[in-house]
C-alpha atoms as a PDB file:
ATOM      1  CA  UNK A   1      28.456  17.330  -3.098  1.00  0.00           C
ATOM      2  CA  UNK A   2      30.657  14.677  -1.828  1.00  0.00           C
ATOM      3  CA  UNK A   3      30.335  11.308  -1.799  1.00  0.00           C
ATOM      4  CA  UNK A   4      29.114   8.981   0.411  1.00  0.00           C
ATOM      5  CA  UNK A   5      31.651   7.655   3.423  1.00  0.00           C
ATOM      6  CA  UNK A   6      31.646   3.658   3.093  1.00  0.00           C
ATOM      7  CA  UNK A   7      32.367   2.790   5.989  1.00  0.00           C
ATOM      8  CA  UNK A   8      28.517   5.061   7.327  1.00  0.00           C
ATOM      9  CA  UNK A   9      25.505   2.644   7.352  1.00  0.00           C
ATOM     10  CA  UNK A  10      23.134   4.049   4.909  1.00  0.00           C
ATOM     11  CA  UNK A  11      20.315   6.259   6.404  1.00  0.00           C
ATOM     12  CA  UNK A  12      16.685   4.892   6.791  1.00  0.00           C
ATOM     13  CA  UNK A  13      14.487   6.238   4.323  1.00  0.00           C
ATOM     14  CA  UNK A  14      10.805   6.484   3.015  1.00  0.00           C
ATOM     15  CA  UNK A  15      10.399   2.931   2.963  1.00  0.00           C
ATOM     16  CA  UNK A  16      10.381   2.546   7.074  1.00  0.00           C
ATOM     17  CA  UNK A  17       8.032   4.954   7.427  1.00  0.00           C
ATOM     18  CA  UNK A  18       5.594   2.888   4.415  1.00  0.00           C
ATOM     19  CA  UNK A  19       6.565  -0.210   5.802  1.00  0.00           C
ATOM     20  CA  UNK A  20       3.849   0.150   9.370  1.00  0.00           C
ATOM     21  CA  UNK A  21       1.250   1.302   6.844  1.00  0.00           C
ATOM     22  CA  UNK A  22       0.832  -1.377   4.134  1.00  0.00           C
ATOM     23  CA  UNK A  23      -0.998  -3.125   6.124  1.00  0.00           C
ATOM     24  CA  UNK A  24      -3.554  -1.201   7.405  1.00  0.00           C
ATOM     25  CA  UNK A  25      -3.958   0.275   4.103  1.00  0.00           C
ATOM     26  CA  UNK A  26      -4.444  -2.427   2.949  1.00  0.00           C
ATOM     27  CA  UNK A  27      -7.318  -3.228   4.861  1.00  0.00           C
ATOM     28  CA  UNK A  28      -9.114  -0.228   4.669  1.00  0.00           C
ATOM     29  CA  UNK A  29      -8.962   0.162   0.915  1.00  0.00           C
ATOM     30  CA  UNK A  30     -10.965  -3.171   0.608  1.00  0.00           C
ATOM     31  CA  UNK A  31     -13.192  -1.854   3.560  1.00  0.00           C
ATOM     32  CA  UNK A  32     -14.510   1.278   2.635  1.00  0.00           C
ATOM     33  CA  UNK A  33     -15.252   0.727  -0.894  1.00  0.00           C
ATOM     34  CA  UNK A  34     -17.819  -1.622   0.237  1.00  0.00           C
ATOM     35  CA  UNK A  35     -18.992   0.864   2.527  1.00  0.00           C
ATOM     36  CA  UNK A  36     -22.116   2.995   0.421  1.00  0.00           C
ATOM     37  CA  UNK A  37     -23.494  -0.494  -1.506  1.00  0.00           C
ATOM     38  CA  UNK A  38     -23.590  -2.533   2.292  1.00  0.00           C
ATOM     39  CA  UNK A  39     -25.427   0.977   2.792  1.00  0.00           C
ATOM     40  CA  UNK A  40     -27.824   0.776   0.302  1.00  0.00           C
ATOM     41  CA  UNK A  41     -28.244  -3.167   0.520  1.00  0.00           C
ATOM     42  CA  UNK A  42     -29.120  -2.392   4.349  1.00  0.00           C
ATOM     43  CA  UNK A  43     -31.357   0.357   3.902  1.00  0.00           C
ATOM     44  CA  UNK A  44     -33.290  -0.560   0.691  1.00  0.00           C
ATOM     45  CA  UNK A  45     -37.307  -1.381   1.172  1.00  0.00           C
ATOM     46  CA  UNK A  46     -38.480  -5.179   1.088  1.00  0.00           C
ATOM     47  CA  UNK A  47     -40.468  -5.751  -2.644  1.00  0.00           C
ATOM     48  CA  UNK A  48     -39.985  -5.510  -6.016  1.00  0.00           C
ATOM     49  CA  UNK A  49     -36.806  -3.122  -7.737  1.00  0.00           C
ATOM     50  CA  UNK A  50     -37.125  -0.772 -10.756  1.00  0.00           C
ATOM     51  CA  UNK A  51     -34.772  -1.348 -13.454  1.00  0.00           C
ATOM     52  CA  UNK A  52     -32.932   1.385 -12.933  1.00  0.00           C
ATOM     53  CA  UNK A  53     -32.523   1.181  -8.989  1.00  0.00           C
ATOM     54  CA  UNK A  54     -31.132  -2.331 -10.137  1.00  0.00           C
ATOM     55  CA  UNK A  55     -28.394  -1.040 -12.589  1.00  0.00           C
ATOM     56  CA  UNK A  56     -27.045   1.773 -10.035  1.00  0.00           C
ATOM     57  CA  UNK A  57     -26.454  -0.571  -7.853  1.00  0.00           C
ATOM     58  CA  UNK A  58     -24.660  -2.679  -9.893  1.00  0.00           C
ATOM     59  CA  UNK A  59     -22.574  -0.019 -10.800  1.00  0.00           C
ATOM     60  CA  UNK A  60     -21.502   0.558  -7.279  1.00  0.00           C
ATOM     61  CA  UNK A  61     -20.666  -3.039  -6.993  1.00  0.00           C
ATOM     62  CA  UNK A  62     -18.979  -2.973  -9.972  1.00  0.00           C
ATOM     63  CA  UNK A  63     -17.047   0.218  -8.881  1.00  0.00           C
ATOM     64  CA  UNK A  64     -15.882  -1.400  -5.187  1.00  0.00           C
ATOM     65  CA  UNK A  65     -14.756  -4.353  -7.454  1.00  0.00           C
ATOM     66  CA  UNK A  66     -12.001  -1.773  -9.097  1.00  0.00           C
ATOM     67  CA  UNK A  67     -11.325   0.370  -5.915  1.00  0.00           C
ATOM     68  CA  UNK A  68     -10.738  -3.101  -4.527  1.00  0.00           C
ATOM     69  CA  UNK A  69      -8.450  -4.424  -6.882  1.00  0.00           C
ATOM     70  CA  UNK A  70      -6.851  -0.576  -7.121  1.00  0.00           C
ATOM     71  CA  UNK A  71      -5.968  -0.795  -3.659  1.00  0.00           C
ATOM     72  CA  UNK A  72      -4.510  -4.516  -3.578  1.00  0.00           C
ATOM     73  CA  UNK A  73      -2.233  -3.913  -6.508  1.00  0.00           C
ATOM     74  CA  UNK A  74      -0.803   0.089  -5.366  1.00  0.00           C
ATOM     75  CA  UNK A  75      -0.569  -1.810  -1.752  1.00  0.00           C
ATOM     76  CA  UNK A  76       1.356  -4.849  -3.496  1.00  0.00           C
ATOM     77  CA  UNK A  77       3.222  -2.799  -5.553  1.00  0.00           C
ATOM     78  CA  UNK A  78       4.328  -0.116  -2.749  1.00  0.00           C
ATOM     79  CA  UNK A  79       5.251  -3.585  -0.247  1.00  0.00           C
ATOM     80  CA  UNK A  80       7.778  -4.919  -3.257  1.00  0.00           C
ATOM     81  CA  UNK A  81       9.007  -1.216  -4.028  1.00  0.00           C
ATOM     82  CA  UNK A  82       9.585  -0.946   0.371  1.00  0.00           C
ATOM     83  CA  UNK A  83      11.548  -4.957   0.256  1.00  0.00           C
ATOM     84  CA  UNK A  84      13.993  -3.800  -3.148  1.00  0.00           C
ATOM     85  CA  UNK A  85      14.907  -0.876  -1.458  1.00  0.00           C
ATOM     86  CA  UNK A  86      15.638  -2.764   1.695  1.00  0.00           C
ATOM     87  CA  UNK A  87      17.186  -5.310   0.467  1.00  0.00           C
ATOM     88  CA  UNK A  88      19.303  -3.199  -1.749  1.00  0.00           C
ATOM     89  CA  UNK A  89      20.468  -1.309   1.531  1.00  0.00           C
ATOM     90  CA  UNK A  90      20.970  -3.955   3.592  1.00  0.00           C
ATOM     91  CA  UNK A  91      23.467  -4.314   6.363  1.00  0.00           C
ATOM     92  CA  UNK A  92      26.797  -2.065   5.738  1.00  0.00           C
ATOM     93  CA  UNK A  93      29.490  -4.302   5.283  1.00  0.00           C
ATOM     94  CA  UNK A  94      32.969  -3.552   4.896  1.00  0.00           C
ATOM     95  CA  UNK A  95      35.703  -5.044   2.449  1.00  0.00           C
ATOM     96  CA  UNK A  96      38.529  -4.850   4.019  1.00  0.00           C
ATOM     97  CA  UNK A  97      39.586  -4.947   7.602  1.00  0.00           C
ATOM     98  CA  UNK A  98      41.494  -1.485   7.776  1.00  0.00           C
ATOM     99  CA  UNK A  99      39.949   0.823  10.554  1.00  0.00           C
ATOM    100  CA  UNK A 100      37.295   3.983   8.468  1.00  0.00           C
ATOM    101  CA  UNK A 101      39.268   6.959   7.725  1.00  0.00           C
ATOM    102  CA  UNK A 102      39.214   9.681  10.853  1.00  0.00           C
ATOM    103  CA  UNK A 103      37.602  12.895   9.988  1.00  0.00           C
END
């Protein structure tokens, strides 16, 4: 394996592929867990609710909150990783004004 040429810029990697998907992924991850609880709330008949149905609805709401928090923290961690990789790669800089070697 040849060592990397220090004069050639570092090519874009997975961070440039993931970055455009972070915001849509965040909003989808926030919205999708609430589809089933919202649908159940809208289709529920008026009147008293049994204890079993109320506990099921509460369980679904807690699961939606958990999935929302999981998605928000996963997207934040991935965004932080992409930012770190992008900053560490940076723009190519040269140590001195020597011309790059001919290949």
